[in-house]
């Protein structure tokens, strides 16, 4: 594999991780979104990643976005403006702890791919220095 190949593969990983972090951020922003009982709950977004090991460039890609349940969970909150006559609203089925854990994993993966790009760049610059000597 060439230095440019490593940069390309790490770049695809960074793209997937950025989209993963975007989806998680959207989920976290809507964790407390309420809807009336006759409407669907906010649907969590989950990035579906796929390895690309054929042709060039190899790496990863986002093959789709999976959506969470429309049922959500029913919560008694009579003060909510979306509450029905009995005081119930529909909230998304999003676990904040799980989302924060996934966010940390996505950030670390992004940082790891960025480090690969940086190391590859340093290797390429070192090779250029050797050629100049």
Protein backbone atom coordinates (compact mmCIF):
# COMPACT_ATOMS: atom_id res chain seq x y z
CA UNK A 1 0.00 0.00 0.00
CA UNK A 2 1.24 3.47 -0.80
CA UNK A 3 1.24 6.49 1.48
CA UNK A 4 -1.57 7.98 -0.58
CA UNK A 5 -3.58 4.77 -0.24
CA UNK A 6 -3.31 4.95 3.54
CA UNK A 7 -4.46 8.57 3.48
CA UNK A 8 -7.40 7.64 1.26
CA UNK A 9 -8.50 4.75 3.45
CA UNK A 10 -8.18 6.83 6.63
CA UNK A 11 -10.14 9.60 4.90
CA UNK A 12 -13.04 7.25 4.23
CA UNK A 13 -12.98 6.26 7.90
CA UNK A 14 -13.06 9.90 8.93
CA UNK A 15 -16.09 10.50 6.71
CA UNK A 16 -17.98 7.55 8.21
CA UNK A 17 -17.12 8.64 11.74
CA UNK A 18 -18.18 12.23 11.05
CA UNK A 19 -21.56 11.04 9.77
CA UNK A 20 -21.84 8.73 12.79
CA UNK A 21 -21.19 11.67 15.13
CA UNK A 22 -23.77 13.77 13.22
CA UNK A 23 -26.42 11.06 13.70
CA UNK A 24 -25.60 10.71 17.40
CA UNK A 25 -25.75 14.48 17.88
CA UNK A 26 -29.18 14.52 16.25
CA UNK A 27 -30.33 11.73 18.57
CA UNK A 28 -29.01 13.49 21.67
CA UNK A 29 -30.61 16.78 20.62
CA UNK A 30 -33.99 15.06 20.35
CA UNK A 31 -33.81 12.78 23.40
CA UNK A 32 -36.47 14.85 25.20
CA UNK A 33 -38.62 15.65 22.17
CA UNK A 34 -42.25 14.89 22.94
CA UNK A 35 -45.05 14.17 20.51
CA UNK A 36 -48.78 13.76 20.99
CA UNK A 37 -49.95 10.18 21.47
CA UNK A 38 -51.55 10.12 18.01
CA UNK A 39 -48.19 10.88 16.31
CA UNK A 40 -44.99 8.89 15.85
CA UNK A 41 -42.12 9.46 18.26
CA UNK A 42 -38.87 10.93 16.98
CA UNK A 43 -36.97 8.13 15.24
CA UNK A 44 -33.35 7.71 16.31
CA UNK A 45 -30.80 7.59 13.48
CA UNK A 46 -28.16 4.88 13.27
CA UNK A 47 -25.39 4.92 10.66
CA UNK A 48 -24.87 1.67 8.77
CA UNK A 49 -21.20 1.38 7.75
CA UNK A 50 -19.83 -1.01 5.19
CA UNK A 51 -16.30 -2.07 4.32
CA UNK A 52 -15.20 -1.32 0.79
CA UNK A 53 -12.44 -3.75 -0.14
CA UNK A 54 -12.88 -3.85 -3.89
CA UNK A 55 -11.39 -1.53 -6.47
CA UNK A 56 -9.87 1.75 -5.50
CA UNK A 57 -10.12 3.41 -3.08
CA UNK A 58 -10.66 0.79 -0.44
CA UNK A 59 -11.89 1.75 3.02
CA UNK A 60 -15.35 2.25 4.44
CA UNK A 61 -18.54 3.97 3.44
CA UNK A 62 -21.96 4.74 4.83
CA UNK A 63 -24.32 2.29 3.17
CA UNK A 64 -27.43 3.72 4.79
CA UNK A 65 -29.18 5.13 7.80
CA UNK A 66 -31.31 2.85 9.98
CA UNK A 67 -34.18 4.46 11.85
CA UNK A 68 -35.33 3.57 15.34
CA UNK A 69 -38.81 2.70 16.50
CA UNK A 70 -41.75 5.05 15.92
CA UNK A 71 -43.43 3.76 19.08
CA UNK A 72 -40.99 5.39 21.48
CA UNK A 73 -42.15 5.16 25.07
CA UNK A 74 -45.16 6.68 26.73
CA UNK A 75 -44.53 9.07 29.61
CA UNK A 76 -46.96 10.71 32.00
CA UNK A 77 -46.31 14.46 31.79
CA UNK A 78 -49.55 16.43 32.13
CA UNK A 79 -47.68 19.76 31.98
CA UNK A 80 -46.30 19.06 28.50
CA UNK A 81 -48.15 20.98 25.76
CA UNK A 82 -48.31 17.76 23.70
CA UNK A 83 -50.02 15.79 26.48
CA UNK A 84 -53.37 14.18 25.74
CA UNK A 85 -56.39 14.43 28.06
CA UNK A 86 -54.93 11.73 30.33
CA UNK A 87 -51.57 13.57 30.50
CA UNK A 88 -49.49 11.17 28.38
CA UNK A 89 -46.95 12.02 25.69
CA UNK A 90 -44.74 9.97 23.39
CA UNK A 91 -40.95 10.26 23.76
CA UNK A 92 -38.27 8.72 21.55
CA UNK A 93 -36.76 5.39 22.53
CA UNK A 94 -33.23 6.80 22.90
CA UNK A 95 -30.88 5.83 25.73
CA UNK A 96 -28.71 8.85 26.50
CA UNK A 97 -26.00 6.72 28.15
CA UNK A 98 -25.72 4.52 25.08
CA UNK A 99 -25.60 7.56 22.79
CA UNK A 100 -22.81 9.15 24.84
CA UNK A 101 -20.83 5.90 24.73
CA UNK A 102 -21.25 5.72 20.96
CA UNK A 103 -20.21 9.36 20.66
CA UNK A 104 -16.97 8.66 22.53
CA UNK A 105 -16.29 5.63 20.29
CA UNK A 106 -16.95 7.69 17.14
CA UNK A 107 -14.68 10.50 18.38
CA UNK A 108 -11.85 8.07 19.18
CA UNK A 109 -12.19 6.37 15.80
CA UNK A 110 -12.11 9.76 14.07
CA UNK A 111 -9.00 10.72 16.03
CA UNK A 112 -7.32 7.42 15.13
CA UNK A 113 -7.99 7.96 11.43
CA UNK A 114 -6.74 11.54 11.67
CA UNK A 115 -3.54 10.22 13.27
CA UNK A 116 -3.08 7.82 10.34
CA UNK A 117 -3.39 10.74 7.92
CA UNK A 118 -0.87 12.74 9.96
CA UNK A 119 1.65 9.85 10.17
CA UNK A 120 1.30 9.15 6.46
CA UNK A 121 1.92 12.80 5.68
CA UNK A 122 5.03 12.75 7.88
CA UNK A 123 6.28 9.62 6.08
CA UNK A 124 5.74 11.23 2.69
CA UNK A 125 7.56 14.41 3.82
CA UNK A 126 10.46 12.28 5.14
CA UNK A 127 10.70 10.50 1.80
CA UNK A 128 10.84 13.86 0.03
CA UNK A 129 13.64 14.98 2.35
CA UNK A 130 15.62 11.83 1.54
CA UNK A 131 15.17 12.55 -2.17
CA UNK A 132 16.48 16.10 -1.74
CA UNK A 133 19.67 14.96 0.00
